[in-house]
């Protein structure tokens, strides 16, 4: 797997302790919800 440092939820977690983001999923009609701590 590639480096994840630039993912928005990772950046937010490193900066403020936690982060969230939502991105389109590979599956049609679905989205992936991320939470980083």
ModelCIF file with pLDDT and N, C-alpha, C, O atoms, coordinates in Angstrom:
data_MODEL
#
_entry.id   MODEL 
#
_entity.id                         1 
_entity.type                       polymer 
_entity.pdbx_number_of_molecules   1 
#
_entity_poly.entity_id                      1 
_entity_poly.type                           'polypeptide(L)' 
_entity_poly.nstd_linkage                   no 
_entity_poly.nstd_monomer                   no 
_entity_poly.pdbx_seq_one_letter_code       
;(UNK)(UNK)(UNK)(UNK)(UNK)(UNK)(UNK)(UNK)(UNK)(UNK)(UNK)(UNK)(UNK)(UNK)(UNK)(UNK)
(UNK)(UNK)(UNK)(UNK)(UNK)(UNK)(UNK)(UNK)(UNK)(UNK)(UNK)(UNK)(UNK)(UNK)(UNK)(UNK)
(UNK)(UNK)(UNK)(UNK)(UNK)
;
_entity_poly.pdbx_seq_one_letter_code_can   XXXXXXXXXXXXXXXXXXXXXXXXXXXXXXXXXXXXX 
_entity_poly.pdbx_strand_id                 A 
#
loop_
_entity_poly_seq.entity_id 
_entity_poly_seq.num 
_entity_poly_seq.mon_id 
_entity_poly_seq.hetero 
1 1  UNK n 
1 2  UNK n 
1 3  UNK n 
1 4  UNK n 
1 5  UNK n 
1 6  UNK n 
1 7  UNK n 
1 8  UNK n 
1 9  UNK n 
1 10 UNK n 
1 11 UNK n 
1 12 UNK n 
1 13 UNK n 
1 14 UNK n 
1 15 UNK n 
1 16 UNK n 
1 17 UNK n 
1 18 UNK n 
1 19 UNK n 
1 20 UNK n 
1 21 UNK n 
1 22 UNK n 
1 23 UNK n 
1 24 UNK n 
1 25 UNK n 
1 26 UNK n 
1 27 UNK n 
1 28 UNK n 
1 29 UNK n 
1 30 UNK n 
1 31 UNK n 
1 32 UNK n 
1 33 UNK n 
1 34 UNK n 
1 35 UNK n 
1 36 UNK n 
1 37 UNK n 
#
_struct_asym.id          A 
_struct_asym.entity_id   1 
#
loop_
_ma_qa_metric.id 
_ma_qa_metric.mode 
_ma_qa_metric.name 
_ma_qa_metric.software_group_id 
_ma_qa_metric.type 
1 global pLDDT . pLDDT 
2 local  pLDDT . pLDDT 
#
_ma_qa_metric_global.metric_id      1 
_ma_qa_metric_global.metric_value   86.51 
_ma_qa_metric_global.model_id       1 
_ma_qa_metric_global.ordinal_id     1 
#
loop_
_ma_qa_metric_local.label_asym_id 
_ma_qa_metric_local.label_comp_id 
_ma_qa_metric_local.label_seq_id 
_ma_qa_metric_local.metric_id 
_ma_qa_metric_local.metric_value 
_ma_qa_metric_local.model_id 
_ma_qa_metric_local.ordinal_id 
A UNK 1  2 88.00 1 1  
A UNK 2  2 90.00 1 2  
A UNK 3  2 90.00 1 3  
A UNK 4  2 88.00 1 4  
A UNK 5  2 88.00 1 5  
A UNK 6  2 89.00 1 6  
A UNK 7  2 90.00 1 7  
A UNK 8  2 92.00 1 8  
A UNK 9  2 90.00 1 9  
A UNK 10 2 89.00 1 10 
A UNK 11 2 91.00 1 11 
A UNK 12 2 91.00 1 12 
A UNK 13 2 89.00 1 13 
A UNK 14 2 89.00 1 14 
A UNK 15 2 89.00 1 15 
A UNK 16 2 91.00 1 16 
A UNK 17 2 90.00 1 17 
A UNK 18 2 91.00 1 18 
A UNK 19 2 91.00 1 19 
A UNK 20 2 91.00 1 20 
A UNK 21 2 91.00 1 21 
A UNK 22 2 88.00 1 22 
A UNK 23 2 86.00 1 23 
A UNK 24 2 82.00 1 24 
A UNK 25 2 73.00 1 25 
A UNK 26 2 69.00 1 26 
A UNK 27 2 64.00 1 27 
A UNK 28 2 68.00 1 28 
A UNK 29 2 71.00 1 29 
A UNK 30 2 81.00 1 30 
A UNK 31 2 86.00 1 31 
A UNK 32 2 88.00 1 32 
A UNK 33 2 90.00 1 33 
A UNK 34 2 92.00 1 34 
A UNK 35 2 93.00 1 35 
A UNK 36 2 92.00 1 36 
A UNK 37 2 90.00 1 37 
#
loop_
_atom_site.group_PDB 
_atom_site.id 
_atom_site.type_symbol 
_atom_site.label_atom_id 
_atom_site.label_alt_id 
_atom_site.label_comp_id 
_atom_site.label_asym_id 
_atom_site.label_entity_id 
_atom_site.label_seq_id 
_atom_site.pdbx_PDB_ins_code 
_atom_site.Cartn_x 
_atom_site.Cartn_y 
_atom_site.Cartn_z 
_atom_site.occupancy 
_atom_site.B_iso_or_equiv 
_atom_site.pdbx_formal_charge 
_atom_site.auth_seq_id 
_atom_site.auth_comp_id 
_atom_site.auth_asym_id 
_atom_site.auth_atom_id 
_atom_site.pdbx_PDB_model_num 
ATOM 1   N N  . UNK A 1 1  ? 0.835   -1.209 0.000  1.00 88.00 ? 1  UNK A N  1 
ATOM 2   C CA . UNK A 1 1  ? 0.000   0.000  0.000  1.00 88.00 ? 1  UNK A CA 1 
ATOM 3   C C  . UNK A 1 1  ? 0.869   1.259  0.000  1.00 88.00 ? 1  UNK A C  1 
ATOM 4   O O  . UNK A 1 1  ? 1.950   1.293  0.589  1.00 88.00 ? 1  UNK A O  1 
ATOM 5   N N  . UNK A 1 2  ? 0.360   2.298  -0.683 1.00 90.00 ? 2  UNK A N  1 
ATOM 6   C CA . UNK A 1 2  ? 1.080   3.564  -0.774 1.00 90.00 ? 2  UNK A CA 1 
ATOM 7   C C  . UNK A 1 2  ? 1.008   4.320  0.550  1.00 90.00 ? 2  UNK A C  1 
ATOM 8   O O  . UNK A 1 2  ? 0.214   3.991  1.431  1.00 90.00 ? 2  UNK A O  1 
ATOM 9   N N  . UNK A 1 3  ? 1.847   5.330  0.666  1.00 90.00 ? 3  UNK A N  1 
ATOM 10  C CA . UNK A 1 3  ? 1.868   6.157  1.865  1.00 90.00 ? 3  UNK A CA 1 
ATOM 11  C C  . UNK A 1 3  ? 0.553   6.940  1.963  1.00 90.00 ? 3  UNK A C  1 
ATOM 12  O O  . UNK A 1 3  ? 0.081   7.498  0.973  1.00 90.00 ? 3  UNK A O  1 
ATOM 13  N N  . UNK A 1 4  ? -0.037  6.974  3.181  1.00 88.00 ? 4  UNK A N  1 
ATOM 14  C CA . UNK A 1 4  ? -1.352  7.595  3.405  1.00 88.00 ? 4  UNK A CA 1 
ATOM 15  C C  . UNK A 1 4  ? -1.269  8.959  4.098  1.00 88.00 ? 4  UNK A C  1 
ATOM 16  O O  . UNK A 1 4  ? -2.282  9.469  4.576  1.00 88.00 ? 4  UNK A O  1 
ATOM 17  N N  . UNK A 1 5  ? -0.088  9.545  4.155  1.00 88.00 ? 5  UNK A N  1 
ATOM 18  C CA . UNK A 1 5  ? 0.074   10.759 4.940  1.00 88.00 ? 5  UNK A CA 1 
ATOM 19  C C  . UNK A 1 5  ? -0.795  11.913 4.425  1.00 88.00 ? 5  UNK A C  1 
ATOM 20  O O  . UNK A 1 5  ? -1.217  12.765 5.206  1.00 88.00 ? 5  UNK A O  1 
ATOM 21  N N  . UNK A 1 6  ? -1.063  11.942 3.113  1.00 89.00 ? 6  UNK A N  1 
ATOM 22  C CA . UNK A 1 6  ? -1.805  13.061 2.526  1.00 89.00 ? 6  UNK A CA 1 
ATOM 23  C C  . UNK A 1 6  ? -3.318  12.847 2.523  1.00 89.00 ? 6  UNK A C  1 
ATOM 24  O O  . UNK A 1 6  ? -4.066  13.692 2.032  1.00 89.00 ? 6  UNK A O  1 
ATOM 25  N N  . UNK A 1 7  ? -3.763  11.718 3.070  1.00 90.00 ? 7  UNK A N  1 
ATOM 26  C CA . UNK A 1 7  ? -5.218  11.525 3.149  1.00 90.00 ? 7  UNK A CA 1 
ATOM 27  C C  . UNK A 1 7  ? -5.805  12.540 4.145  1.00 90.00 ? 7  UNK A C  1 
ATOM 28  O O  . UNK A 1 7  ? -5.238  12.745 5.218  1.00 90.00 ? 7  UNK A O  1 
ATOM 29  N N  . UNK A 1 8  ? -6.914  13.163 3.805  1.00 92.00 ? 8  UNK A N  1 
ATOM 30  C CA . UNK A 1 8  ? -7.438  14.249 4.656  1.00 92.00 ? 8  UNK A CA 1 
ATOM 31  C C  . UNK A 1 8  ? -7.732  13.832 6.088  1.00 92.00 ? 8  UNK A C  1 
ATOM 32  O O  . UNK A 1 8  ? -7.479  14.588 7.026  1.00 92.00 ? 8  UNK A O  1 
ATOM 33  N N  . UNK A 1 9  ? -8.271  12.619 6.257  1.00 90.00 ? 9  UNK A N  1 
ATOM 34  C CA . UNK A 1 9  ? -8.594  12.204 7.619  1.00 90.00 ? 9  UNK A CA 1 
ATOM 35  C C  . UNK A 1 9  ? -7.325  11.942 8.441  1.00 90.00 ? 9  UNK A C  1 
ATOM 36  O O  . UNK A 1 9  ? -7.322  12.150 9.654  1.00 90.00 ? 9  UNK A O  1 
ATOM 37  N N  . UNK A 1 10 ? -6.241  11.483 7.782  1.00 89.00 ? 10 UNK A N  1 
ATOM 38  C CA . UNK A 1 10 ? -4.975  11.234 8.470  1.00 89.00 ? 10 UNK A CA 1 
ATOM 39  C C  . UNK A 1 10 ? -4.348  12.554 8.889  1.00 89.00 ? 10 UNK A C  1 
ATOM 40  O O  . UNK A 1 10 ? -3.876  12.704 10.016 1.00 89.00 ? 10 UNK A O  1 
ATOM 41  N N  . UNK A 1 11 ? -4.351  13.518 7.953  1.00 91.00 ? 11 UNK A N  1 
ATOM 42  C CA . UNK A 1 11 ? -3.791  14.833 8.269  1.00 91.00 ? 11 UNK A CA 1 
ATOM 43  C C  . UNK A 1 11 ? -4.533  15.479 9.438  1.00 91.00 ? 11 UNK A C  1 
ATOM 44  O O  . UNK A 1 11 ? -3.919  16.066 10.328 1.00 91.00 ? 11 UNK A O  1 
ATOM 45  N N  . UNK A 1 12 ? -5.873  15.361 9.422  1.00 91.00 ? 12 UNK A N  1 
ATOM 46  C CA . UNK A 1 12 ? -6.676  15.952 10.498 1.00 91.00 ? 12 UNK A CA 1 
ATOM 47  C C  . UNK A 1 12 ? -6.385  15.265 11.831 1.00 91.00 ? 12 UNK A C  1 
ATOM 48  O O  . UNK A 1 12 ? -6.308  15.927 12.866 1.00 91.00 ? 12 UNK A O  1 
ATOM 49  N N  . UNK A 1 13 ? -6.221  13.937 11.812 1.00 89.00 ? 13 UNK A N  1 
ATOM 50  C CA . UNK A 1 13 ? -5.946  13.200 13.051 1.00 89.00 ? 13 UNK A CA 1 
ATOM 51  C C  . UNK A 1 13 ? -4.589  13.587 13.631 1.00 89.00 ? 13 UNK A C  1 
ATOM 52  O O  . UNK A 1 13 ? -4.457  13.765 14.842 1.00 89.00 ? 13 UNK A O  1 
ATOM 53  N N  . UNK A 1 14 ? -3.576  13.718 12.765 1.00 89.00 ? 14 UNK A N  1 
ATOM 54  C CA . UNK A 1 14 ? -2.244  14.102 13.251 1.00 89.00 ? 14 UNK A CA 1 
ATOM 55  C C  . UNK A 1 14 ? -2.243  15.537 13.782 1.00 89.00 ? 14 UNK A C  1 
ATOM 56  O O  . UNK A 1 14 ? -1.454  15.888 14.660 1.00 89.00 ? 14 UNK A O  1 
ATOM 57  N N  . UNK A 1 15 ? -3.133  16.351 13.238 1.00 89.00 ? 15 UNK A N  1 
ATOM 58  C CA . UNK A 1 15 ? -3.164  17.759 13.622 1.00 89.00 ? 15 UNK A CA 1 
ATOM 59  C C  . UNK A 1 15 ? -4.021  18.011 14.863 1.00 89.00 ? 15 UNK A C  1 
ATOM 60  O O  . UNK A 1 15 ? -3.627  18.759 15.757 1.00 89.00 ? 15 UNK A O  1 
ATOM 61  N N  . UNK A 1 16 ? -5.214  17.368 14.910 1.00 91.00 ? 16 UNK A N  1 
ATOM 62  C CA . UNK A 1 16 ? -6.151  17.679 15.995 1.00 91.00 ? 16 UNK A CA 1 
ATOM 63  C C  . UNK A 1 16 ? -6.556  16.465 16.825 1.00 91.00 ? 16 UNK A C  1 
ATOM 64  O O  . UNK A 1 16 ? -7.345  16.598 17.761 1.00 91.00 ? 16 UNK A O  1 
ATOM 65  N N  . UNK A 1 17 ? -6.038  15.298 16.504 1.00 90.00 ? 17 UNK A N  1 
ATOM 66  C CA . UNK A 1 17 ? -6.361  14.115 17.301 1.00 90.00 ? 17 UNK A CA 1 
ATOM 67  C C  . UNK A 1 17 ? -7.352  13.184 16.630 1.00 90.00 ? 17 UNK A C  1 
ATOM 68  O O  . UNK A 1 17 ? -7.341  11.985 16.908 1.00 90.00 ? 17 UNK A O  1 
ATOM 69  N N  . UNK A 1 18 ? -8.208  13.693 15.755 1.00 91.00 ? 18 UNK A N  1 
ATOM 70  C CA . UNK A 1 18 ? -9.142  12.851 15.030 1.00 91.00 ? 18 UNK A CA 1 
ATOM 71  C C  . UNK A 1 18 ? -9.532  13.552 13.736 1.00 91.00 ? 18 UNK A C  1 
ATOM 72  O O  . UNK A 1 18 ? -9.429  14.772 13.612 1.00 91.00 ? 18 UNK A O  1 
ATOM 73  N N  . UNK A 1 19 ? -9.983  12.752 12.777 1.00 91.00 ? 19 UNK A N  1 
ATOM 74  C CA . UNK A 1 19 ? -10.394 13.320 11.496 1.00 91.00 ? 19 UNK A CA 1 
ATOM 75  C C  . UNK A 1 19 ? -11.404 12.433 10.800 1.00 91.00 ? 19 UNK A C  1 
ATOM 76  O O  . UNK A 1 19 ? -11.440 11.223 11.026 1.00 91.00 ? 19 UNK A O  1 
ATOM 77  N N  . UNK A 1 20 ? -12.225 13.035 9.953  1.00 91.00 ? 20 UNK A N  1 
ATOM 78  C CA . UNK A 1 20 ? -13.267 12.320 9.208  1.00 91.00 ? 20 UNK A CA 1 
ATOM 79  C C  . UNK A 1 20 ? -13.248 12.763 7.765  1.00 91.00 ? 20 UNK A C  1 
ATOM 80  O O  . UNK A 1 20 ? -12.873 13.892 7.449  1.00 91.00 ? 20 UNK A O  1 
ATOM 81  N N  . UNK A 1 21 ? -13.656 11.857 6.891  1.00 91.00 ? 21 UNK A N  1 
ATOM 82  C CA . UNK A 1 21 ? -13.845 12.213 5.481  1.00 91.00 ? 21 UNK A CA 1 
ATOM 83  C C  . UNK A 1 21 ? -14.749 11.171 4.839  1.00 91.00 ? 21 UNK A C  1 
ATOM 84  O O  . UNK A 1 21 ? -14.918 10.065 5.353  1.00 91.00 ? 21 UNK A O  1 
ATOM 85  N N  . UNK A 1 22 ? -15.323 11.548 3.710  1.00 88.00 ? 22 UNK A N  1 
ATOM 86  C CA . UNK A 1 22 ? -16.192 10.655 2.939  1.00 88.00 ? 22 UNK A CA 1 
ATOM 87  C C  . UNK A 1 22 ? -15.783 10.747 1.479  1.00 88.00 ? 22 UNK A C  1 
ATOM 88  O O  . UNK A 1 22 ? -15.677 11.834 0.913  1.00 88.00 ? 22 UNK A O  1 
ATOM 89  N N  . UNK A 1 23 ? -15.552 9.555  0.867  1.00 86.00 ? 23 UNK A N  1 
ATOM 90  C CA . UNK A 1 23 ? -15.147 9.530  -0.543 1.00 86.00 ? 23 UNK A CA 1 
ATOM 91  C C  . UNK A 1 23 ? -15.961 8.483  -1.283 1.00 86.00 ? 23 UNK A C  1 
ATOM 92  O O  . UNK A 1 23 ? -16.491 7.539  -0.696 1.00 86.00 ? 23 UNK A O  1 
ATOM 93  N N  . UNK A 1 24 ? -16.041 8.685  -2.601 1.00 82.00 ? 24 UNK A N  1 
ATOM 94  C CA . UNK A 1 24 ? -16.760 7.734  -3.441 1.00 82.00 ? 24 UNK A CA 1 
ATOM 95  C C  . UNK A 1 24 ? -16.097 6.370  -3.354 1.00 82.00 ? 24 UNK A C  1 
ATOM 96  O O  . UNK A 1 24 ? -14.871 6.251  -3.343 1.00 82.00 ? 24 UNK A O  1 
ATOM 97  N N  . UNK A 1 25 ? -16.939 5.339  -3.292 1.00 73.00 ? 25 UNK A N  1 
ATOM 98  C CA . UNK A 1 25 ? -16.426 3.969  -3.192 1.00 73.00 ? 25 UNK A CA 1 
ATOM 99  C C  . UNK A 1 25 ? -16.243 3.379  -4.579 1.00 73.00 ? 25 UNK A C  1 
ATOM 100 O O  . UNK A 1 25 ? -16.798 3.866  -5.564 1.00 73.00 ? 25 UNK A O  1 
ATOM 101 N N  . UNK A 1 26 ? -15.444 2.311  -4.628 1.00 69.00 ? 26 UNK A N  1 
ATOM 102 C CA . UNK A 1 26 ? -15.280 1.595  -5.898 1.00 69.00 ? 26 UNK A CA 1 
ATOM 103 C C  . UNK A 1 26 ? -16.575 0.914  -6.309 1.00 69.00 ? 26 UNK A C  1 
ATOM 104 O O  . UNK A 1 26 ? -16.796 0.648  -7.490 1.00 69.00 ? 26 UNK A O  1 
ATOM 105 N N  . UNK A 1 27 ? -17.425 0.633  -5.338 1.00 64.00 ? 27 UNK A N  1 
ATOM 106 C CA . UNK A 1 27 ? -18.726 0.015  -5.620 1.00 64.00 ? 27 UNK A CA 1 
ATOM 107 C C  . UNK A 1 27 ? -19.710 1.087  -6.058 1.00 64.00 ? 27 UNK A C  1 
ATOM 108 O O  . UNK A 1 27 ? -19.831 2.124  -5.405 1.00 64.00 ? 27 UNK A O  1 
ATOM 109 N N  . UNK A 1 28 ? -20.424 0.842  -7.178 1.00 68.00 ? 28 UNK A N  1 
ATOM 110 C CA . UNK A 1 28 ? -21.350 1.823  -7.720 1.00 68.00 ? 28 UNK A CA 1 
ATOM 111 C C  . UNK A 1 28 ? -22.472 2.128  -6.720 1.00 68.00 ? 28 UNK A C  1 
ATOM 112 O O  . UNK A 1 28 ? -23.048 1.219  -6.123 1.00 68.00 ? 28 UNK A O  1 
ATOM 113 N N  . UNK A 1 29 ? -22.770 3.413  -6.549 1.00 71.00 ? 29 UNK A N  1 
ATOM 114 C CA . UNK A 1 29 ? -23.871 3.821  -5.684 1.00 71.00 ? 29 UNK A CA 1 
ATOM 115 C C  . UNK A 1 29 ? -23.543 3.772  -4.211 1.00 71.00 ? 29 UNK A C  1 
ATOM 116 O O  . UNK A 1 29 ? -24.450 3.813  -3.380 1.00 71.00 ? 29 UNK A O  1 
ATOM 117 N N  . UNK A 1 30 ? -22.258 3.684  -3.861 1.00 81.00 ? 30 UNK A N  1 
ATOM 118 C CA . UNK A 1 30 ? -21.894 3.641  -2.448 1.00 81.00 ? 30 UNK A CA 1 
ATOM 119 C C  . UNK A 1 30 ? -20.757 4.618  -2.172 1.00 81.00 ? 30 UNK A C  1 
ATOM 120 O O  . UNK A 1 30 ? -20.041 5.031  -3.085 1.00 81.00 ? 30 UNK A O  1 
ATOM 121 N N  . UNK A 1 31 ? -20.599 4.984  -0.895 1.00 86.00 ? 31 UNK A N  1 
ATOM 122 C CA . UNK A 1 31 ? -19.535 5.868  -0.444 1.00 86.00 ? 31 UNK A CA 1 
ATOM 123 C C  . UNK A 1 31 ? -18.820 5.232  0.745  1.00 86.00 ? 31 UNK A C  1 
ATOM 124 O O  . UNK A 1 31 ? -19.404 4.450  1.496  1.00 86.00 ? 31 UNK A O  1 
ATOM 125 N N  . UNK A 1 32 ? -17.556 5.581  0.897  1.00 88.00 ? 32 UNK A N  1 
ATOM 126 C CA . UNK A 1 32 ? -16.775 5.071  2.023  1.00 88.00 ? 32 UNK A CA 1 
ATOM 127 C C  . UNK A 1 32 ? -16.587 6.190  3.042  1.00 88.00 ? 32 UNK A C  1 
ATOM 128 O O  . UNK A 1 32 ? -16.139 7.287  2.710  1.00 88.00 ? 32 UNK A O  1 
ATOM 129 N N  . UNK A 1 33 ? -16.941 5.887  4.287  1.00 90.00 ? 33 UNK A N  1 
ATOM 130 C CA . UNK A 1 33 ? -16.798 6.842  5.380  1.00 90.00 ? 33 UNK A CA 1 
ATOM 131 C C  . UNK A 1 33 ? -15.558 6.465  6.186  1.00 90.00 ? 33 UNK A C  1 
ATOM 132 O O  . UNK A 1 33 ? -15.418 5.320  6.616  1.00 90.00 ? 33 UNK A O  1 
ATOM 133 N N  . UNK A 1 34 ? -14.670 7.415  6.388  1.00 92.00 ? 34 UNK A N  1 
ATOM 134 C CA . UNK A 1 34 ? -13.422 7.183  7.108  1.00 92.00 ? 34 UNK A CA 1 
ATOM 135 C C  . UNK A 1 34 ? -13.412 7.946  8.423  1.00 92.00 ? 34 UNK A C  1 
ATOM 136 O O  . UNK A 1 34 ? -13.912 9.067  8.516  1.00 92.00 ? 34 UNK A O  1 
ATOM 137 N N  . UNK A 1 35 ? -12.825 7.305  9.451  1.00 93.00 ? 35 UNK A N  1 
ATOM 138 C CA . UNK A 1 35 ? -12.608 7.978  10.732 1.00 93.00 ? 35 UNK A CA 1 
ATOM 139 C C  . UNK A 1 35 ? -11.212 7.608  11.219 1.00 93.00 ? 35 UNK A C  1 
ATOM 140 O O  . UNK A 1 35 ? -10.892 6.428  11.362 1.00 93.00 ? 35 UNK A O  1 
ATOM 141 N N  . UNK A 1 36 ? -10.386 8.611  11.472 1.00 92.00 ? 36 UNK A N  1 
ATOM 142 C CA . UNK A 1 36 ? -9.008  8.391  11.910 1.00 92.00 ? 36 UNK A CA 1 
ATOM 143 C C  . UNK A 1 36 ? -8.830  8.951  13.313 1.00 92.00 ? 36 UNK A C  1 
ATOM 144 O O  . UNK A 1 36 ? -9.366  10.006 13.653 1.00 92.00 ? 36 UNK A O  1 
ATOM 145 N N  . UNK A 1 37 ? -8.046  8.203  14.139 1.00 90.00 ? 37 UNK A N  1 
ATOM 146 C CA . UNK A 1 37 ? -7.827  8.583  15.530 1.00 90.00 ? 37 UNK A CA 1 
ATOM 147 C C  . UNK A 1 37 ? -6.343  8.460  15.849 1.00 90.00 ? 37 UNK A C  1 
ATOM 148 O O  . UNK A 1 37 ? -5.929  8.733  16.976 1.00 90.00 ? 37 UNK A O  1 
#
